[in-house]
Protein backbone atom coordinates (compact mmCIF):
# COMPACT_ATOMS: atom_id res chain seq x y z
CA MET A 1 -37.93 -36.49 -87.22
CA SER A 2 -36.19 -39.80 -86.40
CA ARG A 3 -33.01 -40.21 -84.69
CA ASP A 4 -31.01 -40.22 -87.85
CA GLY A 5 -32.57 -36.98 -88.57
CA THR A 6 -34.74 -38.40 -91.63
CA LYS A 7 -38.47 -37.15 -91.65
CA ARG A 8 -41.03 -39.85 -90.65
CA PRO A 9 -43.92 -40.51 -92.91
CA GLN A 10 -47.23 -38.84 -91.82
CA GLY A 11 -49.25 -41.10 -89.02
CA ARG A 12 -46.23 -43.22 -88.09
CA SER A 13 -46.02 -43.66 -84.22
CA GLN A 14 -43.17 -42.28 -82.40
CA ARG A 15 -41.52 -45.60 -81.35
CA ARG A 16 -42.08 -49.13 -82.32
CA SER A 17 -41.24 -51.77 -79.64
CA VAL A 18 -40.20 -55.36 -81.09
CA ARG A 19 -39.66 -58.38 -79.38
CA ILE A 20 -37.83 -61.23 -80.86
CA LEU A 21 -38.10 -64.74 -78.97
CA GLY A 22 -34.71 -66.77 -79.49
CA ASP A 23 -31.38 -65.87 -79.82
CA GLY A 24 -29.97 -67.87 -82.86
CA CYS A 25 -29.07 -67.21 -85.98
CA ALA A 26 -32.12 -65.21 -87.22
CA ALA A 27 -32.88 -63.29 -83.98
CA LEU A 28 -29.11 -61.93 -83.83
CA SER A 29 -29.04 -61.20 -87.74
CA LEU A 30 -32.19 -59.00 -87.20
CA ALA A 31 -30.56 -57.52 -83.78
CA ALA A 32 -27.48 -56.81 -85.35
CA ARG A 33 -29.37 -54.36 -87.78
CA ALA A 34 -31.22 -52.40 -85.32
CA ALA A 35 -29.23 -49.22 -86.53
CA GLU A 36 -31.05 -49.35 -89.61
CA LEU A 37 -34.26 -49.20 -87.74
CA PRO A 38 -33.98 -45.97 -85.74
CA ASP A 39 -37.68 -45.79 -85.00
CA HIS A 40 -37.61 -49.37 -83.44
CA ASP A 41 -36.71 -50.43 -79.96
CA ILE A 42 -35.69 -54.01 -80.20
CA THR A 43 -35.61 -56.56 -77.32
CA LEU A 44 -34.10 -60.24 -77.86
CA VAL A 45 -35.58 -62.77 -75.33
CA ARG A 46 -33.73 -65.85 -74.79
CA PRO A 47 -36.21 -68.53 -73.82
CA ALA A 48 -36.27 -70.35 -70.62
CA GLY A 49 -34.85 -73.75 -71.10
CA ALA A 50 -33.30 -73.13 -74.50
CA PRO A 51 -30.14 -75.43 -75.28
CA ALA A 52 -26.76 -74.03 -75.07
CA ALA A 53 -25.78 -73.10 -78.81
CA ALA A 54 -23.59 -75.76 -80.69
CA GLU A 55 -20.75 -74.84 -82.91
CA HIS A 56 -21.47 -75.14 -86.63
CA ILE A 57 -20.02 -74.31 -90.00
CA TRP A 58 -22.87 -72.62 -92.08
CA GLY A 59 -22.19 -72.80 -96.04
CA PHE A 60 -23.31 -70.45 -98.58
CA TRP A 61 -22.31 -68.62 -102.01
CA GLY A 62 -21.34 -64.95 -101.88
CA GLY A 63 -23.61 -62.59 -103.30
CA ALA A 64 -24.96 -58.82 -102.56
CA GLY A 65 -25.67 -58.07 -98.92
CA LEU A 66 -23.35 -60.63 -97.56
CA GLU A 67 -20.11 -58.48 -97.26
CA ALA A 68 -20.01 -59.00 -93.45
CA ALA A 69 -20.29 -62.66 -93.59
CA THR A 70 -17.89 -63.10 -96.30
CA ARG A 71 -15.24 -60.95 -94.34
CA LEU A 72 -15.92 -63.32 -91.10
CA ALA A 73 -15.93 -66.26 -92.97
CA ARG A 74 -13.22 -68.96 -92.06
CA ALA A 75 -12.43 -70.15 -95.57
CA SER A 76 -13.59 -69.88 -99.31
CA TRP A 77 -13.42 -72.14 -102.55
CA THR A 78 -13.88 -70.88 -106.05
CA ARG A 79 -14.12 -74.78 -106.81
CA TRP A 80 -16.26 -77.29 -105.89
CA ALA A 81 -17.23 -80.86 -106.66
CA ILE A 82 -19.98 -83.34 -107.08
CA ALA A 83 -18.71 -87.06 -107.26
CA THR A 84 -20.63 -90.50 -107.91
CA GLU A 85 -19.20 -93.83 -108.03
CA THR A 86 -18.90 -93.54 -112.10
CA ASP A 87 -18.34 -89.77 -112.67
CA LYS A 88 -17.30 -86.65 -111.21
CA VAL A 89 -17.84 -82.89 -112.09
CA VAL A 90 -16.20 -79.91 -111.01
CA MET A 91 -17.54 -76.44 -111.02
CA THR A 92 -15.54 -72.99 -110.69
CA SER A 93 -16.75 -69.74 -110.08
CA ALA A 94 -14.53 -66.54 -109.26
CA ALA A 95 -17.38 -64.40 -108.82
CA ARG A 96 -19.34 -66.19 -106.50
CA PRO A 97 -17.06 -68.19 -103.93
CA TYR A 98 -18.32 -70.88 -101.56
CA PHE A 99 -18.04 -69.87 -98.08
CA ALA A 100 -17.69 -71.75 -94.62
CA LEU A 101 -18.82 -69.39 -91.54
CA GLN A 102 -18.53 -70.50 -88.13
CA ARG A 103 -21.38 -69.97 -86.00
CA SER A 104 -19.85 -68.46 -83.13
CA ASP A 105 -18.22 -65.83 -85.34
CA TRP A 106 -21.24 -64.84 -86.69
CA THR A 107 -23.47 -64.76 -83.44
CA SER A 108 -20.27 -62.87 -81.75
CA TYR A 109 -20.44 -60.36 -84.34
CA CYS A 110 -23.92 -59.97 -84.32
CA ARG A 111 -24.37 -59.63 -80.63
CA GLY A 112 -21.59 -56.75 -80.84
CA ARG A 113 -23.44 -54.88 -83.59
CA ALA A 114 -26.84 -55.37 -81.42
CA ALA A 115 -25.33 -54.08 -78.20
CA ALA A 116 -23.82 -50.93 -79.94
CA ALA A 117 -27.07 -50.10 -81.44
CA GLY A 118 -29.01 -50.42 -78.05
CA VAL A 119 -30.59 -53.60 -78.26
CA VAL A 120 -31.67 -54.91 -75.13
CA MET A 121 -31.05 -58.71 -74.31
CA LEU A 122 -33.08 -60.46 -71.49
CA ASP A 123 -33.90 -64.09 -70.39
CA GLU A 124 -37.55 -64.87 -70.38
CA THR A 125 -39.64 -64.12 -67.55
CA PRO A 126 -43.17 -64.99 -66.90
CA ALA A 127 -44.13 -61.29 -67.04
CA MET A 128 -42.42 -59.60 -70.26
CA PRO A 129 -43.08 -56.06 -71.05
CA PRO A 130 -45.59 -55.46 -73.96
CA ALA A 131 -44.48 -55.16 -77.27
CA ILE A 132 -46.31 -53.60 -80.46
CA GLN A 133 -44.55 -56.52 -82.48
CA GLN A 134 -43.41 -59.77 -81.66
CA PHE A 135 -41.47 -62.41 -83.93
CA ASP A 136 -40.58 -65.87 -82.86
CA SER A 137 -37.52 -67.32 -83.91
CA ARG A 138 -37.42 -70.49 -82.01
CA PRO A 139 -37.94 -73.70 -84.36
CA PRO A 140 -41.27 -74.79 -85.09
CA PRO A 141 -42.54 -78.66 -84.50
CA VAL A 142 -41.62 -81.03 -87.28
CA PRO A 143 -43.99 -83.58 -87.82
CA ARG A 144 -43.27 -87.31 -87.98
CA GLY A 145 -42.22 -88.78 -91.26
CA MET A 146 -41.06 -85.54 -92.86
CA MET A 147 -38.05 -85.61 -94.96
CA LEU A 148 -34.86 -84.57 -93.06
CA GLN A 149 -31.11 -83.45 -93.85
CA HIS A 150 -29.18 -85.33 -90.79
CA PHE A 151 -25.41 -85.42 -90.23
CA ILE A 152 -22.73 -85.73 -88.02
CA GLY A 153 -19.39 -83.86 -89.15
CA LEU A 154 -15.77 -84.22 -87.76
CA GLU A 155 -13.42 -81.47 -88.08
CA VAL A 156 -10.17 -83.59 -88.61
CA ARG A 157 -6.50 -83.34 -88.67
CA ALA A 158 -4.06 -85.37 -90.72
CA LYS A 159 -0.46 -85.80 -90.20
CA THR A 160 0.51 -85.69 -93.63
CA ALA A 161 -1.13 -83.51 -96.76
CA VAL A 162 -4.27 -85.88 -97.85
CA PHE A 163 -7.06 -83.06 -98.69
CA ASP A 164 -6.92 -80.60 -101.72
CA PRO A 165 -7.50 -77.24 -100.09
CA GLU A 166 -8.71 -75.82 -103.69
CA THR A 167 -11.71 -77.64 -103.87
CA ALA A 168 -14.79 -78.05 -101.87
CA ILE A 169 -16.61 -81.51 -102.03
CA LEU A 170 -20.13 -80.68 -101.85
CA MET A 171 -21.58 -83.98 -102.47
CA ASP A 172 -19.57 -87.41 -102.95
CA PHE A 173 -21.95 -90.39 -103.23
CA ARG A 174 -19.28 -93.03 -103.08
CA VAL A 175 -20.88 -94.20 -99.53
CA ASP A 176 -23.81 -96.69 -98.63
CA GLN A 177 -27.01 -95.63 -100.06
CA SER A 178 -29.09 -98.23 -98.42
CA HIS A 179 -30.71 -95.64 -95.99
CA GLY A 180 -31.60 -93.17 -98.30
CA MET A 181 -29.69 -90.24 -100.19
CA HIS A 182 -26.54 -90.33 -98.61
CA PHE A 183 -23.29 -88.40 -99.39
CA ILE A 184 -20.03 -86.91 -97.75
CA TYR A 185 -19.48 -83.02 -97.70
CA LEU A 186 -16.15 -82.07 -97.25
CA LEU A 187 -14.52 -78.53 -96.80
CA PRO A 188 -10.78 -78.69 -96.73
CA PHE A 189 -9.36 -75.81 -94.40
CA SER A 190 -5.99 -76.72 -95.47
CA SER A 191 -3.99 -79.87 -96.81
CA THR A 192 -4.34 -81.49 -93.54
CA GLU A 193 -7.38 -80.26 -91.70
CA ALA A 194 -11.01 -80.66 -93.21
CA LEU A 195 -14.62 -80.69 -91.86
CA VAL A 196 -15.88 -84.05 -92.87
CA GLU A 197 -19.95 -84.72 -92.77
CA SER A 198 -21.74 -87.77 -93.24
CA THR A 199 -25.11 -86.51 -94.55
CA LEU A 200 -28.37 -88.07 -95.51
CA PHE A 201 -31.81 -86.95 -96.99
CA SER A 202 -34.49 -89.20 -95.19
CA PRO A 203 -37.10 -89.26 -92.74
CA GLN A 204 -35.33 -91.53 -90.07
CA THR A 205 -32.08 -90.49 -88.55
CA LEU A 206 -29.34 -93.08 -88.06
CA ALA A 207 -27.46 -94.43 -84.61
CA GLU A 208 -24.34 -91.99 -84.16
CA ASP A 209 -21.95 -95.01 -85.08
CA GLU A 210 -23.30 -95.39 -88.62
CA TYR A 211 -22.31 -91.73 -89.46
CA LEU A 212 -19.12 -91.99 -88.06
CA ALA A 213 -18.35 -95.32 -89.63
CA ALA A 214 -19.06 -93.70 -92.99
CA ILE A 215 -16.77 -91.07 -92.44
CA ARG A 216 -13.83 -93.46 -91.38
CA ASP A 217 -14.53 -95.70 -94.19
CA TYR A 218 -14.52 -92.72 -96.86
CA LEU A 219 -11.44 -91.12 -95.51
CA ALA A 220 -9.73 -94.25 -95.54
CA ARG A 221 -10.89 -95.57 -98.97
CA HIS A 222 -10.85 -91.93 -100.80
CA CYS A 223 -8.19 -89.94 -98.93
CA GLY A 224 -5.60 -92.64 -97.69
CA LEU A 225 -6.37 -91.44 -94.24
CA CYS A 226 -6.93 -94.27 -91.30
CA GLU A 227 -5.53 -92.28 -88.52
CA PHE A 228 -6.25 -88.90 -87.53
CA GLU A 229 -6.98 -86.28 -84.88
CA THR A 230 -10.61 -85.17 -84.22
CA LEU A 231 -10.71 -81.39 -83.35
CA ARG A 232 -14.66 -81.11 -83.10
CA ARG A 233 -17.78 -82.84 -83.77
CA GLU A 234 -21.06 -81.31 -84.97
CA ARG A 235 -24.46 -82.72 -85.36
CA GLY A 236 -27.50 -81.49 -87.17
CA VAL A 237 -31.21 -82.26 -87.98
CA ILE A 238 -32.98 -80.04 -90.48
CA PRO A 239 -36.27 -80.43 -91.57
CA LEU A 240 -37.03 -80.41 -95.54
CA GLY A 241 -40.29 -78.78 -96.37
CA GLN A 242 -42.73 -76.14 -95.70
CA LEU A 243 -43.47 -75.93 -91.88
CA GLY A 244 -46.53 -74.36 -89.79
CA ARG A 245 -45.02 -71.66 -87.17
CA ARG A 246 -44.39 -72.49 -83.59
CA ASP A 247 -47.16 -70.23 -82.31
CA PRO A 248 -49.80 -69.25 -85.05
CA ALA A 249 -50.31 -66.21 -83.07
CA ILE A 250 -47.05 -65.02 -83.18
CA GLU A 251 -45.27 -63.98 -86.51
CA GLY A 252 -42.46 -66.25 -87.22
CA ILE A 253 -38.71 -65.50 -88.52
CA GLY A 254 -35.80 -67.72 -89.62
CA GLY A 255 -36.51 -71.40 -89.73
CA ASN A 256 -40.14 -70.60 -88.06
CA GLY A 257 -40.75 -68.21 -90.74
CA GLY A 258 -40.24 -70.41 -93.70
CA ALA A 259 -36.54 -69.35 -94.47
CA ILE A 260 -34.89 -73.00 -94.52
CA ARG A 261 -34.71 -73.90 -98.40
CA PRO A 262 -36.68 -77.23 -98.64
CA SER A 263 -34.21 -78.96 -101.32
CA SER A 264 -30.95 -78.28 -99.72
CA GLY A 265 -31.27 -77.31 -95.93
CA TYR A 266 -29.66 -73.87 -96.64
CA ALA A 267 -30.97 -71.30 -94.32
CA PHE A 268 -28.04 -68.84 -93.63
CA ILE A 269 -28.53 -67.12 -96.95
CA PHE A 270 -32.36 -67.15 -96.96
CA ILE A 271 -32.31 -65.66 -93.58
CA GLN A 272 -30.32 -62.87 -94.43
CA ARG A 273 -32.47 -62.05 -97.62
CA GLN A 274 -35.67 -62.49 -95.34
CA ILE A 275 -34.13 -59.68 -93.04
CA ASP A 276 -33.09 -57.75 -95.92
CA ASN A 277 -37.10 -57.20 -96.97
CA ALA A 278 -38.34 -57.05 -93.74
CA ILE A 279 -36.07 -53.90 -93.14
CA ARG A 280 -36.93 -52.63 -96.59
CA ALA A 281 -40.57 -52.99 -95.80
CA ALA A 282 -40.06 -50.98 -92.55
CA GLY A 283 -38.78 -48.51 -94.19
CA VAL A 284 -41.86 -47.97 -96.26
CA THR A 285 -44.43 -48.77 -93.66
CA GLY A 286 -42.50 -48.44 -90.47
CA ARG A 287 -43.81 -52.03 -89.63
CA LEU A 288 -41.28 -55.06 -90.10
CA ALA A 289 -42.96 -57.49 -92.66
CA VAL A 290 -41.20 -60.92 -92.36
CA THR A 291 -42.31 -63.38 -95.64
CA SER A 292 -40.85 -66.38 -96.76
CA PRO A 293 -37.50 -65.36 -98.92
CA HIS A 294 -38.54 -67.95 -101.42
CA MET A 295 -40.31 -67.94 -104.64
CA ARG A 296 -43.48 -70.10 -105.06
CA VAL A 297 -42.20 -71.58 -108.21
CA ASP A 298 -39.18 -72.58 -106.28
CA LEU A 299 -40.97 -74.27 -103.70
CA ALA A 300 -42.94 -76.03 -106.03
CA MET A 301 -39.99 -77.61 -107.74
CA ASP A 302 -38.55 -78.27 -104.19
CA ALA A 303 -41.75 -80.54 -103.18
CA VAL A 304 -41.10 -82.40 -106.67
CA LEU A 305 -37.62 -83.17 -105.82
CA LEU A 306 -38.08 -84.02 -102.39
CA THR A 307 -40.74 -86.48 -103.50
CA VAL A 308 -38.39 -87.99 -105.91
CA LEU A 309 -35.65 -88.19 -103.20
CA ARG A 310 -37.97 -90.03 -100.80
CA HIS A 311 -39.65 -92.73 -102.98
CA TRP A 312 -36.51 -93.11 -105.37
CA PRO A 313 -33.50 -92.14 -103.53
CA GLU A 314 -31.02 -94.49 -105.65
CA ARG A 315 -31.54 -91.67 -108.46
CA ALA A 316 -29.81 -89.07 -106.31
CA PRO A 317 -26.50 -89.22 -107.13
CA GLU A 318 -27.48 -89.15 -111.10
CA LEU A 319 -29.63 -86.30 -110.70
CA PHE A 320 -27.16 -83.68 -108.69
CA LEU A 321 -24.53 -85.05 -111.24
CA ARG A 322 -26.73 -84.14 -114.18
CA MET A 323 -27.17 -80.91 -112.48
CA GLY A 324 -23.59 -80.15 -111.78
CA LYS A 325 -22.58 -80.61 -115.74
CA ALA A 326 -25.61 -78.82 -117.05
CA LEU A 327 -24.94 -75.52 -115.00
CA THR A 328 -21.54 -73.24 -114.61
CA GLY A 329 -20.45 -72.71 -111.39
CA ASP A 330 -22.30 -69.19 -111.40
CA GLU A 331 -25.73 -70.63 -112.23
CA PHE A 332 -25.31 -73.47 -109.86
CA ALA A 333 -24.63 -70.89 -107.00
CA ARG A 334 -27.31 -68.58 -108.26
CA PHE A 335 -29.92 -71.64 -108.54
CA LEU A 336 -29.04 -72.83 -104.81
CA ASN A 337 -28.83 -69.24 -103.57
CA GLY A 338 -32.66 -68.87 -104.89
CA GLU A 339 -31.73 -66.13 -107.77
CA ALA A 340 -32.93 -68.32 -110.51
CA ASP A 341 -34.72 -66.61 -113.39
CA TRP A 342 -37.05 -68.74 -115.69
CA GLY A 343 -34.33 -69.70 -118.22
CA LEU A 344 -31.96 -70.95 -115.50
CA ARG A 345 -35.02 -72.83 -114.05
CA LEU A 346 -35.63 -74.41 -117.49
CA LYS A 347 -32.08 -75.34 -117.77
CA VAL A 348 -32.11 -77.48 -114.65
CA VAL A 349 -35.40 -79.33 -115.62
CA MET A 350 -34.23 -80.22 -119.11
CA ALA A 351 -31.00 -81.67 -117.47
CA MET A 352 -33.02 -83.92 -115.41
CA PRO A 353 -34.73 -87.35 -116.41
CA LYS A 354 -38.34 -86.78 -116.95
CA LEU A 355 -40.05 -89.91 -115.74
CA PRO A 356 -39.06 -89.83 -111.99
CA PHE A 357 -40.13 -86.23 -111.83
CA LEU A 358 -43.55 -86.91 -113.68
CA ARG A 359 -44.08 -89.62 -110.93
CA GLY A 360 -43.18 -87.18 -108.23
CA ALA A 361 -45.56 -84.59 -109.20
CA LEU A 362 -48.04 -86.94 -109.83
CA ARG A 363 -47.76 -88.24 -106.12
CA LEU A 364 -48.22 -84.43 -105.00
CA VAL A 365 -51.36 -83.80 -107.10
CA THR A 366 -52.61 -87.04 -105.76
CA ASN A 367 -52.17 -85.56 -102.11
CA GLY A 368 -53.69 -82.16 -102.97
CA GLY A 369 -50.30 -80.53 -103.58
CA GLN A 370 -48.07 -81.53 -100.42
CA ALA A 371 -46.52 -84.47 -98.81
CA LYS A 372 -48.74 -86.07 -95.91
CA TYR A 373 -47.29 -86.33 -92.50
CA ALA A 374 -48.13 -87.25 -88.95
CA ARG A 375 -48.42 -84.46 -86.23
CA ALA A 376 -45.18 -83.75 -84.28
CA ALA A 377 -45.20 -85.81 -80.98
């Protein structure tokens, strides 16, 4: 019998020792659910030399299995917008709000749940105890020349009401497009406070001043905000594409296990889905089985889109505006959450201009179905 009184399948060992390298979102999200794995002894190991955790906001659309995250979220919106120099689309969904979750709130919650379930948390030492199963959540190496989502964000406070607290701005392309696909991401926490990010999709990052100048110019031109207080700053670089594991000999999880959605950089929702699937597998076989949370067809579509954005970034505002206009808010959320069926995928395809995607697909076929990069330094 297991600790919860249920009968174990025949042939299963008494206990399974599981070690997780890393203490970021994926590692802690799995450790937080240790109570659902009564036959497993979980140890979380913080690698030597790991950088200090920086505060971030993770965005995601609500859905099944995300109840804890939605309760902890700092804010949510049932309206979100995409804007270009010539047009704008606003989508709504009462069933699938867009949530903003602070990293520190989630990791604190996970640490508490993990400790209550008996998870052991250690710093890495040269001689670690053996484990039946080991997962590596540390970031994998990123090849030179890979498409990146890179950004700097400022959480700002204005003296007067300048933001619409009812509408999140997912993409506002009314910024300089000369360095690749570039947009402002703005999450209004109130009429006077917001997170404002200058975000680019391109293979090269920029100097810090260029992101900050874009934010200042946007706030002045489109919000009438020339003076503001900076409450916090965040910065990120997210690889967009399929990556190999950090260590091929160790099973990956999170970004090191293919959880990042290549076309958007969204990871939080897919990490939770990856862990859901692994825990279900353990309930059947006794072994945590971590696999990619993405459908192959979605990865193929993402690869074509990234090829288009790399070679023809000037088309980006039109492409995302078309998608926003073609889909309802619920459909948009489902598509970006990786919950699309064939009908929804077809709806997205039909909304897109065909020539750039045919050219992008041809480039991929010529390259053997994937982009080619230099090895990481």
